[in-house]
């Protein structure tokens, strides 16, 4: 019986489970952001999508729920469901910016002040 070779963590991965197989094109701020990092670094556009989807969900739920005389419960359910969906999308967008896969100039300026440009005298 022979022992298997230990894994070499410096080789390129052979599968994509929990591994991103593309190289970041922007500066990396946090290679493994947690939920708190993702939420605190969400931009106002992401929060606008969350609020917009929640409002749209309430209106759509009220409209479709009124047909079966369940307007308010349906409106609340769809509002919460679409609001959570928008929050998850915003957190994903924020995490991709922190990992360097999307444009992140605002995050670099906020989280990495030592990378800022020198002033010309």
PDB file of N, CA and C in Angstrom:
ATOM      1  N   UNK A   1       0.845  -1.174   0.000  1.00  0.00           N
ATOM      2  CA  UNK A   1       0.000   0.000   0.000  1.00  0.00           C
ATOM      3  C   UNK A   1       0.890   1.237   0.000  1.00  0.00           C
ATOM      4  N   UNK A   2       0.577   2.173  -0.891  1.00  0.00           N
ATOM      5  CA  UNK A   2       1.352   3.413  -0.939  1.00  0.00           C
ATOM      6  C   UNK A   2       0.485   4.568  -0.467  1.00  0.00           C
ATOM      7  N   UNK A   3       1.160   5.529   0.119  1.00  0.00           N
ATOM      8  CA  UNK A   3       0.456   6.707   0.603  1.00  0.00           C
ATOM      9  C   UNK A   3       0.140   7.644  -0.541  1.00  0.00           C
ATOM     10  N   UNK A   4      -1.019   8.309  -0.512  1.00  0.00           N
ATOM     11  CA  UNK A   4      -1.316   9.284  -1.579  1.00  0.00           C
ATOM     12  C   UNK A   4      -0.432  10.517  -1.431  1.00  0.00           C
ATOM     13  N   UNK A   5      -0.224  11.166  -2.533  1.00  0.00           N
ATOM     14  CA  UNK A   5       0.570  12.390  -2.514  1.00  0.00           C
ATOM     15  C   UNK A   5      -0.188  13.488  -1.778  1.00  0.00           C
ATOM     16  N   UNK A   6       0.500  14.251  -0.952  1.00  0.00           N
ATOM     17  CA  UNK A   6      -0.202  15.361  -0.287  1.00  0.00           C
ATOM     18  C   UNK A   6      -0.584  16.422  -1.305  1.00  0.00           C
ATOM     19  N   UNK A   7      -1.654  17.137  -1.039  1.00  0.00           N
ATOM     20  CA  UNK A   7      -2.081  18.158  -2.025  1.00  0.00           C
ATOM     21  C   UNK A   7      -1.082  19.305  -2.085  1.00  0.00           C
ATOM     22  N   UNK A   8      -0.876  19.805  -3.285  1.00  0.00           N
ATOM     23  CA  UNK A   8      -0.016  20.962  -3.484  1.00  0.00           C
ATOM     24  C   UNK A   8      -0.932  22.174  -3.630  1.00  0.00           C
ATOM     25  N   UNK A   9      -0.927  23.039  -2.638  1.00  0.00           N
ATOM     26  CA  UNK A   9      -1.841  24.163  -2.625  1.00  0.00           C
ATOM     27  C   UNK A   9      -1.403  25.291  -3.552  1.00  0.00           C
ATOM     28  N   UNK A  10      -0.253  25.153  -4.164  1.00  0.00           N
ATOM     29  CA  UNK A  10       0.232  26.188  -5.074  1.00  0.00           C
ATOM     30  C   UNK A  10      -0.117  25.908  -6.524  1.00  0.00           C
ATOM     31  N   UNK A  11      -0.662  24.737  -6.818  1.00  0.00           N
ATOM     32  CA  UNK A  11      -1.089  24.411  -8.182  1.00  0.00           C
ATOM     33  C   UNK A  11      -2.469  25.013  -8.437  1.00  0.00           C
ATOM     34  N   UNK A  12      -2.786  25.180  -9.710  1.00  0.00           N
ATOM     35  CA  UNK A  12      -4.119  25.653 -10.074  1.00  0.00           C
ATOM     36  C   UNK A  12      -5.142  24.597  -9.700  1.00  0.00           C
ATOM     37  N   UNK A  13      -6.298  24.994  -9.178  1.00  0.00           N
ATOM     38  CA  UNK A  13      -7.300  24.002  -8.787  1.00  0.00           C
ATOM     39  C   UNK A  13      -7.868  23.267  -9.997  1.00  0.00           C
ATOM     40  N   UNK A  14      -8.249  22.030  -9.773  1.00  0.00           N
ATOM     41  CA  UNK A  14      -8.793  21.207 -10.858  1.00  0.00           C
ATOM     42  C   UNK A  14     -10.316  21.215 -10.883  1.00  0.00           C
ATOM     43  N   UNK A  15     -10.937  21.800  -9.888  1.00  0.00           N
ATOM     44  CA  UNK A  15     -12.392  21.884  -9.840  1.00  0.00           C
ATOM     45  C   UNK A  15     -12.778  23.248  -9.303  1.00  0.00           C
ATOM     46  N   UNK A  16     -14.061  23.560  -9.381  1.00  0.00           N
ATOM     47  CA  UNK A  16     -14.508  24.897  -9.038  1.00  0.00           C
ATOM     48  C   UNK A  16     -15.297  25.012  -7.759  1.00  0.00           C
ATOM     49  N   UNK A  17     -15.250  24.025  -6.876  1.00  0.00           N
ATOM     50  CA  UNK A  17     -16.033  24.105  -5.646  1.00  0.00           C
ATOM     51  C   UNK A  17     -15.376  25.071  -4.678  1.00  0.00           C
ATOM     52  N   UNK A  18     -16.083  26.154  -4.351  1.00  0.00           N
ATOM     53  CA  UNK A  18     -15.596  27.187  -3.437  1.00  0.00           C
ATOM     54  C   UNK A  18     -14.290  27.818  -3.911  1.00  0.00           C
ATOM     55  N   UNK A  19     -14.016  27.718  -5.190  1.00  0.00           N
ATOM     56  CA  UNK A  19     -12.802  28.303  -5.741  1.00  0.00           C
ATOM     57  C   UNK A  19     -13.189  29.106  -6.973  1.00  0.00           C
ATOM     58  N   UNK A  20     -12.767  30.352  -7.034  1.00  0.00           N
ATOM     59  CA  UNK A  20     -13.020  31.163  -8.213  1.00  0.00           C
ATOM     60  C   UNK A  20     -11.879  30.935  -9.190  1.00  0.00           C
ATOM     61  N   UNK A  21     -12.206  30.539 -10.396  1.00  0.00           N
ATOM     62  CA  UNK A  21     -11.184  30.160 -11.360  1.00  0.00           C
ATOM     63  C   UNK A  21     -10.778  31.306 -12.271  1.00  0.00           C
ATOM     64  N   UNK A  22     -11.067  32.544 -11.901  1.00  0.00           N
ATOM     65  CA  UNK A  22     -10.641  33.682 -12.694  1.00  0.00           C
ATOM     66  C   UNK A  22      -9.774  34.587 -11.832  1.00  0.00           C
ATOM     67  N   UNK A  23      -8.914  35.329 -12.474  1.00  0.00           N
ATOM     68  CA  UNK A  23      -8.031  36.228 -11.744  1.00  0.00           C
ATOM     69  C   UNK A  23      -8.689  37.586 -11.591  1.00  0.00           C
ATOM     70  N   UNK A  24      -8.569  38.200 -10.400  1.00  0.00           N
ATOM     71  CA  UNK A  24      -9.151  39.528 -10.222  1.00  0.00           C
ATOM     72  C   UNK A  24      -8.424  40.561 -11.065  1.00  0.00           C
ATOM     73  N   UNK A  25      -9.188  41.486 -11.636  1.00  0.00           N
ATOM     74  CA  UNK A  25      -8.600  42.514 -12.485  1.00  0.00           C
ATOM     75  C   UNK A  25      -8.470  43.851 -11.776  1.00  0.00           C
ATOM     76  N   UNK A  26      -8.989  43.963 -10.561  1.00  0.00           N
ATOM     77  CA  UNK A  26      -8.916  45.191  -9.778  1.00  0.00           C
ATOM     78  C   UNK A  26      -8.188  44.894  -8.470  1.00  0.00           C
ATOM     79  N   UNK A  27      -7.792  45.915  -7.719  1.00  0.00           N
ATOM     80  CA  UNK A  27      -7.083  45.666  -6.460  1.00  0.00           C
ATOM     81  C   UNK A  27      -7.934  44.852  -5.483  1.00  0.00           C
ATOM     82  N   UNK A  28      -7.289  43.908  -4.811  1.00  0.00           N
ATOM     83  CA  UNK A  28      -7.970  43.066  -3.837  1.00  0.00           C
ATOM     84  C   UNK A  28      -7.961  43.772  -2.489  1.00  0.00           C
ATOM     85  N   UNK A  29      -9.145  43.993  -1.935  1.00  0.00           N
ATOM     86  CA  UNK A  29      -9.261  44.621  -0.622  1.00  0.00           C
ATOM     87  C   UNK A  29      -9.370  43.550   0.453  1.00  0.00           C
ATOM     88  N   UNK A  30     -10.207  42.564   0.222  1.00  0.00           N
ATOM     89  CA  UNK A  30     -10.407  41.478   1.171  1.00  0.00           C
ATOM     90  C   UNK A  30     -10.626  40.208   0.361  1.00  0.00           C
ATOM     91  N   UNK A  31      -9.698  39.252   0.373  1.00  0.00           N
ATOM     92  CA  UNK A  31      -9.860  38.067  -0.468  1.00  0.00           C
ATOM     93  C   UNK A  31     -10.969  37.128  -0.013  1.00  0.00           C
ATOM     94  N   UNK A  32     -11.392  37.228   1.253  1.00  0.00           N
ATOM     95  CA  UNK A  32     -12.444  36.358   1.767  1.00  0.00           C
ATOM     96  C   UNK A  32     -13.379  37.170   2.661  1.00  0.00           C
ATOM     97  N   UNK A  33     -14.244  38.006   2.058  1.00  0.00           N
ATOM     98  CA  UNK A  33     -15.109  38.860   2.889  1.00  0.00           C
ATOM     99  C   UNK A  33     -16.212  38.062   3.576  1.00  0.00           C
ATOM    100  N   UNK A  34     -16.513  38.466   4.810  1.00  0.00           N
ATOM    101  CA  UNK A  34     -17.622  37.836   5.513  1.00  0.00           C
ATOM    102  C   UNK A  34     -18.883  38.670   5.312  1.00  0.00           C
ATOM    103  N   UNK A  35     -19.970  38.288   5.973  1.00  0.00           N
ATOM    104  CA  UNK A  35     -21.254  38.959   5.765  1.00  0.00           C
ATOM    105  C   UNK A  35     -21.187  40.415   6.219  1.00  0.00           C
ATOM    106  N   UNK A  36     -20.530  40.661   7.346  1.00  0.00           N
ATOM    107  CA  UNK A  36     -20.430  42.030   7.857  1.00  0.00           C
ATOM    108  C   UNK A  36     -19.675  42.929   6.890  1.00  0.00           C
ATOM    109  N   UNK A  37     -18.577  42.429   6.322  1.00  0.00           N
ATOM    110  CA  UNK A  37     -17.823  43.216   5.345  1.00  0.00           C
ATOM    111  C   UNK A  37     -18.670  43.515   4.111  1.00  0.00           C
ATOM    112  N   UNK A  38     -19.404  42.518   3.649  1.00  0.00           N
ATOM    113  CA  UNK A  38     -20.222  42.707   2.448  1.00  0.00           C
ATOM    114  C   UNK A  38     -21.335  43.727   2.681  1.00  0.00           C
ATOM    115  N   UNK A  39     -21.977  43.671   3.849  1.00  0.00           N
ATOM    116  CA  UNK A  39     -23.081  44.600   4.117  1.00  0.00           C
ATOM    117  C   UNK A  39     -22.562  46.018   4.347  1.00  0.00           C
ATOM    118  N   UNK A  40     -21.464  46.156   5.084  1.00  0.00           N
ATOM    119  CA  UNK A  40     -20.953  47.499   5.380  1.00  0.00           C
ATOM    120  C   UNK A  40     -20.342  48.177   4.163  1.00  0.00           C
ATOM    121  N   UNK A  41     -19.961  47.419   3.148  1.00  0.00           N
ATOM    122  CA  UNK A  41     -19.383  48.013   1.951  1.00  0.00           C
ATOM    123  C   UNK A  41     -20.363  48.081   0.779  1.00  0.00           C
ATOM    124  N   UNK A  42     -21.654  47.884   1.052  1.00  0.00           N
ATOM    125  CA  UNK A  42     -22.640  48.025  -0.020  1.00  0.00           C
ATOM    126  C   UNK A  42     -22.782  49.497  -0.390  1.00  0.00           C
ATOM    127  N   UNK A  43     -22.907  49.761  -1.669  1.00  0.00           N
ATOM    128  CA  UNK A  43     -23.064  51.133  -2.155  1.00  0.00           C
ATOM    129  C   UNK A  43     -24.530  51.547  -2.094  1.00  0.00           C
ATOM    130  N   UNK A  44     -24.755  52.839  -2.289  1.00  0.00           N
ATOM    131  CA  UNK A  44     -26.135  53.341  -2.236  1.00  0.00           C
ATOM    132  C   UNK A  44     -26.975  52.773  -3.376  1.00  0.00           C
ATOM    133  N   UNK A  45     -26.349  52.441  -4.500  1.00  0.00           N
ATOM    134  CA  UNK A  45     -27.101  51.823  -5.595  1.00  0.00           C
ATOM    135  C   UNK A  45     -27.650  50.459  -5.171  1.00  0.00           C
ATOM    136  N   UNK A  46     -26.845  49.706  -4.400  1.00  0.00           N
ATOM    137  CA  UNK A  46     -27.310  48.412  -3.929  1.00  0.00           C
ATOM    138  C   UNK A  46     -28.468  48.560  -2.953  1.00  0.00           C
ATOM    139  N   UNK A  47     -28.377  49.539  -2.054  1.00  0.00           N
ATOM    140  CA  UNK A  47     -29.471  49.761  -1.113  1.00  0.00           C
ATOM    141  C   UNK A  47     -30.722  50.252  -1.847  1.00  0.00           C
ATOM    142  N   UNK A  48     -30.547  51.004  -2.938  1.00  0.00           N
ATOM    143  CA  UNK A  48     -31.681  51.431  -3.743  1.00  0.00           C
ATOM    144  C   UNK A  48     -32.389  50.253  -4.389  1.00  0.00           C
ATOM    145  N   UNK A  49     -31.603  49.268  -4.841  1.00  0.00           N
ATOM    146  CA  UNK A  49     -32.200  48.063  -5.430  1.00  0.00           C
ATOM    147  C   UNK A  49     -32.980  47.290  -4.368  1.00  0.00           C
ATOM    148  N   UNK A  50     -32.426  47.199  -3.141  1.00  0.00           N
ATOM    149  CA  UNK A  50     -33.125  46.499  -2.065  1.00  0.00           C
ATOM    150  C   UNK A  50     -34.464  47.174  -1.779  1.00  0.00           C
ATOM    151  N   UNK A  51     -34.439  48.497  -1.621  1.00  0.00           N
ATOM    152  CA  UNK A  51     -35.679  49.227  -1.321  1.00  0.00           C
ATOM    153  C   UNK A  51     -36.659  49.166  -2.495  1.00  0.00           C
ATOM    154  N   UNK A  52     -36.137  49.275  -3.707  1.00  0.00           N
ATOM    155  CA  UNK A  52     -37.001  49.225  -4.887  1.00  0.00           C
ATOM    156  C   UNK A  52     -37.682  47.879  -5.046  1.00  0.00           C
ATOM    157  N   UNK A  53     -36.926  46.802  -4.844  1.00  0.00           N
ATOM    158  CA  UNK A  53     -37.530  45.484  -4.960  1.00  0.00           C
ATOM    159  C   UNK A  53     -38.547  45.223  -3.849  1.00  0.00           C
ATOM    160  N   UNK A  54     -38.247  45.716  -2.641  1.00  0.00           N
ATOM    161  CA  UNK A  54     -39.204  45.541  -1.546  1.00  0.00           C
ATOM    162  C   UNK A  54     -40.491  46.327  -1.831  1.00  0.00           C
ATOM    163  N   UNK A  55     -40.373  47.548  -2.322  1.00  0.00           N
ATOM    164  CA  UNK A  55     -41.557  48.339  -2.666  1.00  0.00           C
ATOM    165  C   UNK A  55     -42.331  47.731  -3.811  1.00  0.00           C
ATOM    166  N   UNK A  56     -41.616  47.280  -4.831  1.00  0.00           N
ATOM    167  CA  UNK A  56     -42.272  46.629  -5.961  1.00  0.00           C
ATOM    168  C   UNK A  56     -42.971  45.346  -5.516  1.00  0.00           C
ATOM    169  N   UNK A  57     -42.335  44.613  -4.605  1.00  0.00           N
ATOM    170  CA  UNK A  57     -42.954  43.393  -4.090  1.00  0.00           C
ATOM    171  C   UNK A  57     -44.231  43.667  -3.328  1.00  0.00           C
ATOM    172  N   UNK A  58     -44.251  44.767  -2.569  1.00  0.00           N
ATOM    173  CA  UNK A  58     -45.466  45.096  -1.818  1.00  0.00           C
ATOM    174  C   UNK A  58     -46.608  45.438  -2.777  1.00  0.00           C
ATOM    175  N   UNK A  59     -46.288  46.253  -3.787  1.00  0.00           N
ATOM    176  CA  UNK A  59     -47.337  46.649  -4.738  1.00  0.00           C
ATOM    177  C   UNK A  59     -47.843  45.442  -5.525  1.00  0.00           C
ATOM    178  N   UNK A  60     -46.907  44.623  -6.023  1.00  0.00           N
ATOM    179  CA  UNK A  60     -47.319  43.457  -6.805  1.00  0.00           C
ATOM    180  C   UNK A  60     -48.082  42.462  -5.945  1.00  0.00           C
ATOM    181  N   UNK A  61     -47.636  42.243  -4.704  1.00  0.00           N
ATOM    182  CA  UNK A  61     -48.337  41.321  -3.817  1.00  0.00           C
ATOM    183  C   UNK A  61     -49.726  41.809  -3.462  1.00  0.00           C
ATOM    184  N   UNK A  62     -49.855  43.116  -3.256  1.00  0.00           N
ATOM    185  CA  UNK A  62     -51.181  43.670  -2.942  1.00  0.00           C
ATOM    186  C   UNK A  62     -52.117  43.509  -4.138  1.00  0.00           C
ATOM    187  N   UNK A  63     -51.579  43.757  -5.334  1.00  0.00           N
ATOM    188  CA  UNK A  63     -52.398  43.658  -6.545  1.00  0.00           C
ATOM    189  C   UNK A  63     -52.865  42.215  -6.767  1.00  0.00           C
ATOM    190  N   UNK A  64     -51.921  41.274  -6.723  1.00  0.00           N
ATOM    191  CA  UNK A  64     -52.299  39.885  -6.995  1.00  0.00           C
ATOM    192  C   UNK A  64     -53.034  39.250  -5.826  1.00  0.00           C
ATOM    193  N   UNK A  65     -52.762  39.696  -4.595  1.00  0.00           N
ATOM    194  CA  UNK A  65     -53.472  39.159  -3.446  1.00  0.00           C
ATOM    195  C   UNK A  65     -54.894  39.669  -3.336  1.00  0.00           C
ATOM    196  N   UNK A  66     -55.169  40.841  -3.898  1.00  0.00           N
ATOM    197  CA  UNK A  66     -56.528  41.391  -3.839  1.00  0.00           C
ATOM    198  C   UNK A  66     -57.509  40.548  -4.648  1.00  0.00           C
ATOM    199  N   UNK A  67     -57.001  39.817  -5.623  1.00  0.00           N
ATOM    200  CA  UNK A  67     -57.884  38.986  -6.441  1.00  0.00           C
ATOM    201  C   UNK A  67     -58.451  37.816  -5.648  1.00  0.00           C
ATOM    202  N   UNK A  68     -57.708  37.374  -4.611  1.00  0.00           N
ATOM    203  CA  UNK A  68     -58.183  36.246  -3.802  1.00  0.00           C
ATOM    204  C   UNK A  68     -58.478  36.691  -2.373  1.00  0.00           C
ATOM    205  N   UNK A  69     -58.625  37.992  -2.149  1.00  0.00           N
ATOM    206  CA  UNK A  69     -58.962  38.591  -0.860  1.00  0.00           C
ATOM    207  C   UNK A  69     -57.902  38.322   0.217  1.00  0.00           C
ATOM    208  N   UNK A  70     -56.625  38.301  -0.205  1.00  0.00           N
ATOM    209  CA  UNK A  70     -55.501  38.164   0.709  1.00  0.00           C
ATOM    210  C   UNK A  70     -54.486  39.237   0.389  1.00  0.00           C
ATOM    211  N   UNK A  71     -54.904  40.456   0.269  1.00  0.00           N
ATOM    212  CA  UNK A  71     -54.039  41.519  -0.234  1.00  0.00           C
ATOM    213  C   UNK A  71     -52.854  41.794   0.694  1.00  0.00           C
ATOM    214  N   UNK A  72     -53.124  42.056   1.978  1.00  0.00           N
ATOM    215  CA  UNK A  72     -52.040  42.455   2.874  1.00  0.00           C
ATOM    216  C   UNK A  72     -51.056  41.327   3.188  1.00  0.00           C
ATOM    217  N   UNK A  73     -51.489  40.106   3.480  1.00  0.00           N
ATOM    218  CA  UNK A  73     -50.494  39.053   3.721  1.00  0.00           C
ATOM    219  C   UNK A  73     -49.638  38.758   2.499  1.00  0.00           C
ATOM    220  N   UNK A  74     -50.250  38.764   1.334  1.00  0.00           N
ATOM    221  CA  UNK A  74     -49.488  38.524   0.113  1.00  0.00           C
ATOM    222  C   UNK A  74     -48.520  39.664  -0.143  1.00  0.00           C
ATOM    223  N   UNK A  75     -48.953  40.884   0.120  1.00  0.00           N
ATOM    224  CA  UNK A  75     -48.076  42.035  -0.079  1.00  0.00           C
ATOM    225  C   UNK A  75     -46.875  41.978   0.856  1.00  0.00           C
ATOM    226  N   UNK A  76     -47.104  41.631   2.109  1.00  0.00           N
ATOM    227  CA  UNK A  76     -45.991  41.533   3.058  1.00  0.00           C
ATOM    228  C   UNK A  76     -45.021  40.415   2.677  1.00  0.00           C
ATOM    229  N   UNK A  77     -45.563  39.269   2.280  1.00  0.00           N
ATOM    230  CA  UNK A  77     -44.700  38.154   1.900  1.00  0.00           C
ATOM    231  C   UNK A  77     -43.826  38.510   0.698  1.00  0.00           C
ATOM    232  N   UNK A  78     -44.432  39.038  -0.358  1.00  0.00           N
ATOM    233  CA  UNK A  78     -43.644  39.356  -1.554  1.00  0.00           C
ATOM    234  C   UNK A  78     -42.672  40.496  -1.286  1.00  0.00           C
ATOM    235  N   UNK A  79     -43.035  41.436  -0.424  1.00  0.00           N
ATOM    236  CA  UNK A  79     -42.126  42.518  -0.083  1.00  0.00           C
ATOM    237  C   UNK A  79     -40.891  41.981   0.644  1.00  0.00           C
ATOM    238  N   UNK A  80     -41.103  41.113   1.617  1.00  0.00           N
ATOM    239  CA  UNK A  80     -39.974  40.528   2.348  1.00  0.00           C
ATOM    240  C   UNK A  80     -39.137  39.640   1.437  1.00  0.00           C
ATOM    241  N   UNK A  81     -39.812  38.845   0.608  1.00  0.00           N
ATOM    242  CA  UNK A  81     -39.091  37.934  -0.284  1.00  0.00           C
ATOM    243  C   UNK A  81     -38.221  38.693  -1.287  1.00  0.00           C
ATOM    244  N   UNK A  82     -38.787  39.683  -1.936  1.00  0.00           N
ATOM    245  CA  UNK A  82     -38.001  40.435  -2.919  1.00  0.00           C
ATOM    246  C   UNK A  82     -36.970  41.332  -2.245  1.00  0.00           C
ATOM    247  N   UNK A  83     -37.265  41.844  -1.053  1.00  0.00           N
ATOM    248  CA  UNK A  83     -36.271  42.624  -0.322  1.00  0.00           C
ATOM    249  C   UNK A  83     -35.066  41.784   0.059  1.00  0.00           C
ATOM    250  N   UNK A  84     -35.313  40.545   0.513  1.00  0.00           N
ATOM    251  CA  UNK A  84     -34.209  39.637   0.831  1.00  0.00           C
ATOM    252  C   UNK A  84     -33.422  39.275  -0.430  1.00  0.00           C
ATOM    253  N   UNK A  85     -34.116  39.070  -1.522  1.00  0.00           N
ATOM    254  CA  UNK A  85     -33.434  38.753  -2.779  1.00  0.00           C
ATOM    255  C   UNK A  85     -32.537  39.908  -3.205  1.00  0.00           C
ATOM    256  N   UNK A  86     -33.024  41.129  -3.083  1.00  0.00           N
ATOM    257  CA  UNK A  86     -32.205  42.289  -3.411  1.00  0.00           C
ATOM    258  C   UNK A  86     -31.028  42.437  -2.471  1.00  0.00           C
ATOM    259  N   UNK A  87     -31.219  42.121  -1.197  1.00  0.00           N
ATOM    260  CA  UNK A  87     -30.125  42.192  -0.235  1.00  0.00           C
ATOM    261  C   UNK A  87     -29.046  41.169  -0.561  1.00  0.00           C
ATOM    262  N   UNK A  88     -29.444  39.965  -0.913  1.00  0.00           N
ATOM    263  CA  UNK A  88     -28.460  38.946  -1.288  1.00  0.00           C
ATOM    264  C   UNK A  88     -27.704  39.348  -2.550  1.00  0.00           C
ATOM    265  N   UNK A  89     -28.406  39.927  -3.517  1.00  0.00           N
ATOM    266  CA  UNK A  89     -27.722  40.387  -4.723  1.00  0.00           C
ATOM    267  C   UNK A  89     -26.742  41.510  -4.396  1.00  0.00           C
ATOM    268  N   UNK A  90     -27.152  42.454  -3.551  1.00  0.00           N
ATOM    269  CA  UNK A  90     -26.273  43.552  -3.179  1.00  0.00           C
ATOM    270  C   UNK A  90     -25.059  43.072  -2.414  1.00  0.00           C
ATOM    271  N   UNK A  91     -25.238  42.100  -1.529  1.00  0.00           N
ATOM    272  CA  UNK A  91     -24.105  41.550  -0.794  1.00  0.00           C
ATOM    273  C   UNK A  91     -23.154  40.820  -1.734  1.00  0.00           C
ATOM    274  N   UNK A  92     -23.681  40.115  -2.703  1.00  0.00           N
ATOM    275  CA  UNK A  92     -22.837  39.442  -3.687  1.00  0.00           C
ATOM    276  C   UNK A  92     -22.052  40.458  -4.515  1.00  0.00           C
ATOM    277  N   UNK A  93     -22.708  41.518  -4.928  1.00  0.00           N
ATOM    278  CA  UNK A  93     -22.041  42.569  -5.693  1.00  0.00           C
ATOM    279  C   UNK A  93     -20.938  43.218  -4.864  1.00  0.00           C
ATOM    280  N   UNK A  94     -21.219  43.490  -3.606  1.00  0.00           N
ATOM    281  CA  UNK A  94     -20.241  44.097  -2.718  1.00  0.00           C
ATOM    282  C   UNK A  94     -19.064  43.161  -2.481  1.00  0.00           C
ATOM    283  N   UNK A  95     -19.335  41.878  -2.280  1.00  0.00           N
ATOM    284  CA  UNK A  95     -18.263  40.918  -2.062  1.00  0.00           C
ATOM    285  C   UNK A  95     -17.375  40.789  -3.296  1.00  0.00           C
ATOM    286  N   UNK A  96     -17.972  40.829  -4.493  1.00  0.00           N
ATOM    287  CA  UNK A  96     -17.162  40.759  -5.714  1.00  0.00           C
ATOM    288  C   UNK A  96     -16.281  41.994  -5.855  1.00  0.00           C
ATOM    289  N   UNK A  97     -16.767  43.164  -5.426  1.00  0.00           N
ATOM    290  CA  UNK A  97     -15.918  44.359  -5.457  1.00  0.00           C
ATOM    291  C   UNK A  97     -14.783  44.243  -4.450  1.00  0.00           C
ATOM    292  N   UNK A  98     -15.061  43.714  -3.263  1.00  0.00           N
ATOM    293  CA  UNK A  98     -14.011  43.561  -2.260  1.00  0.00           C
ATOM    294  C   UNK A  98     -12.951  42.554  -2.700  1.00  0.00           C
ATOM    295  N   UNK A  99     -13.360  41.528  -3.431  1.00  0.00           N
ATOM    296  CA  UNK A  99     -12.404  40.528  -3.896  1.00  0.00           C
ATOM    297  C   UNK A  99     -11.688  40.944  -5.170  1.00  0.00           C
ATOM    298  N   UNK A 100     -12.067  42.084  -5.764  1.00  0.00           N
ATOM    299  CA  UNK A 100     -11.357  42.586  -6.929  1.00  0.00           C
ATOM    300  C   UNK A 100     -11.893  42.132  -8.258  1.00  0.00           C
ATOM    301  N   UNK A 101     -13.089  41.579  -8.304  1.00  0.00           N
ATOM    302  CA  UNK A 101     -13.651  41.100  -9.562  1.00  0.00           C
ATOM    303  C   UNK A 101     -14.515  42.148 -10.258  1.00  0.00           C
ATOM    304  N   UNK A 102     -14.825  43.250  -9.583  1.00  0.00           N
ATOM    305  CA  UNK A 102     -15.586  44.352 -10.171  1.00  0.00           C
ATOM    306  C   UNK A 102     -14.884  45.660  -9.834  1.00  0.00           C
ATOM    307  N   UNK A 103     -15.290  46.719 -10.499  1.00  0.00           N
ATOM    308  CA  UNK A 103     -14.696  48.037 -10.281  1.00  0.00           C
ATOM    309  C   UNK A 103     -14.878  48.437  -8.826  1.00  0.00           C
ATOM    310  N   UNK A 104     -13.777  48.823  -8.162  1.00  0.00           N
ATOM    311  CA  UNK A 104     -13.844  49.069  -6.727  1.00  0.00           C
ATOM    312  C   UNK A 104     -13.036  50.293  -6.288  1.00  0.00           C
ATOM    313  N   UNK A 105     -13.091  51.366  -7.057  1.00  0.00           N
ATOM    314  CA  UNK A 105     -12.308  52.549  -6.693  1.00  0.00           C
ATOM    315  C   UNK A 105     -12.793  53.181  -5.392  1.00  0.00           C
ATOM    316  N   UNK A 106     -14.107  53.190  -5.156  1.00  0.00           N
ATOM    317  CA  UNK A 106     -14.630  53.756  -3.901  1.00  0.00           C
ATOM    318  C   UNK A 106     -14.209  52.915  -2.701  1.00  0.00           C
ATOM    319  N   UNK A 107     -14.214  51.604  -2.856  1.00  0.00           N
ATOM    320  CA  UNK A 107     -13.833  50.733  -1.756  1.00  0.00           C
ATOM    321  C   UNK A 107     -12.333  50.833  -1.469  1.00  0.00           C
ATOM    322  N   UNK A 108     -11.518  50.988  -2.507  1.00  0.00           N
ATOM    323  CA  UNK A 108     -10.074  51.143  -2.298  1.00  0.00           C
ATOM    324  C   UNK A 108      -9.808  52.426  -1.523  1.00  0.00           C
ATOM    325  N   UNK A 109     -10.479  53.506  -1.884  1.00  0.00           N
ATOM    326  CA  UNK A 109     -10.275  54.773  -1.183  1.00  0.00           C
ATOM    327  C   UNK A 109     -10.766  54.693   0.259  1.00  0.00           C
ATOM    328  N   UNK A 110     -11.823  53.946   0.521  1.00  0.00           N
ATOM    329  CA  UNK A 110     -12.374  53.874   1.873  1.00  0.00           C
ATOM    330  C   UNK A 110     -11.630  52.881   2.768  1.00  0.00           C
ATOM    331  N   UNK A 111     -11.165  51.773   2.196  1.00  0.00           N
ATOM    332  CA  UNK A 111     -10.586  50.703   3.006  1.00  0.00           C
ATOM    333  C   UNK A 111      -9.074  50.626   2.958  1.00  0.00           C
ATOM    334  N   UNK A 112      -8.463  51.193   1.944  1.00  0.00           N
ATOM    335  CA  UNK A 112      -7.004  51.137   1.825  1.00  0.00           C
ATOM    336  C   UNK A 112      -6.442  52.549   1.665  1.00  0.00           C
ATOM    337  N   UNK A 113      -6.385  53.327   2.731  1.00  0.00           N
ATOM    338  CA  UNK A 113      -5.929  54.707   2.569  1.00  0.00           C
ATOM    339  C   UNK A 113      -4.451  54.808   2.198  1.00  0.00           C
ATOM    340  N   UNK A 114      -3.645  53.775   2.473  1.00  0.00           N
ATOM    341  CA  UNK A 114      -2.230  53.841   2.116  1.00  0.00           C
ATOM    342  C   UNK A 114      -1.994  53.680   0.619  1.00  0.00           C
ATOM    343  N   UNK A 115      -3.007  53.316  -0.145  1.00  0.00           N
ATOM    344  CA  UNK A 115      -2.870  53.149  -1.588  1.00  0.00           C
ATOM    345  C   UNK A 115      -3.187  54.454  -2.323  1.00  0.00           C
ATOM    346  N   UNK A 116      -3.654  55.449  -1.592  1.00  0.00           N
ATOM    347  CA  UNK A 116      -4.062  56.705  -2.234  1.00  0.00           C
ATOM    348  C   UNK A 116      -2.866  57.379  -2.918  1.00  0.00           C
ATOM    349  N   UNK A 117      -3.164  58.160  -3.934  1.00  0.00           N
ATOM    350  CA  UNK A 117      -2.133  58.832  -4.709  1.00  0.00           C
ATOM    351  C   UNK A 117      -1.479  59.953  -3.903  1.00  0.00           C
ATOM    352  N   UNK A 118      -0.206  60.189  -4.179  1.00  0.00           N
ATOM    353  CA  UNK A 118       0.486  61.306  -3.536  1.00  0.00           C
ATOM    354  C   UNK A 118       0.047  62.619  -4.159  1.00  0.00           C
ATOM    355  N   UNK A 119       0.044  63.644  -3.343  1.00  0.00           N
ATOM    356  CA  UNK A 119      -0.300  64.975  -3.840  1.00  0.00           C
ATOM    357  C   UNK A 119       0.938  65.606  -4.483  1.00  0.00           C
ATOM    358  N   UNK A 120       0.700  66.339  -5.562  1.00  0.00           N
ATOM    359  CA  UNK A 120       1.793  67.029  -6.225  1.00  0.00           C
ATOM    360  C   UNK A 120       1.948  68.413  -5.616  1.00  0.00           C
ATOM    361  N   UNK A 121       3.188  68.796  -5.342  1.00  0.00           N
ATOM    362  CA  UNK A 121       3.457  70.120  -4.745  1.00  0.00           C
ATOM    363  C   UNK A 121       3.978  71.073  -5.780  1.00  0.00           C
TER     364      UNK A 121
END
